[in-house]
Amino acid sequence: MTDFGAEGGCACGTARYHVRGTPLIVHCCHCSLCQRQTGSAFAVNAMIESRLVELVTGETETVGVPTPSGRGQDIVRCPTCRVALWSHYGASGRAIAFLRVGTLDEQDRMPPDVHIYTSTRRPWVLLGDGVPVHEEFYDPGATWSGEAMKRYRAARSSAS
């Protein structure tokens, strides 16, 4: 896989990371939990194999938070400024990182591929950018590319 070459980090500059590959998919999540956790109207998360996200400076801390599924989410944060860099959700485990696109130096390199949980979208967030919209989640087999599905399965099986 070609090195994607994206860089990012926290607000204070203590924790910096390098992304070596392209995302499997990028979600713009409008669920009420993402709204609460980010203090914003949505979260933009790039799903990528954890092995392709390398911490290059600093340290991180992991904070577990509950999710509606009951499986929880581990949020990886800078221990100094507490900015969330990525998460690991119970369903995907540690094999997949949900990278916070807002922490990239060049955020436009990972635009949303899909809007999810739009049933709880703020009414003033207007969608019409040609990106698929789902009121809840979606069927990955119908939405993801074949290559992304293959990579996801390989990451999950190697982490087991």
Foldseek 3Di string as FASTA:
>chain_A
DAFPFWKFDDPVPQWIKGFGDAFQFKEFEQDVVQCVVVVHRTFIWGKDFLVRIGTDGHAWDWDWDADPVRQTKIFIAHPPPGDTQWIAGRVLGNGITGGGLVRIPDSVVHDHQEYACCLNGDPPDDDDPPHHYYNHDDDCVVRTDPVSVVNSVVSSVVVD
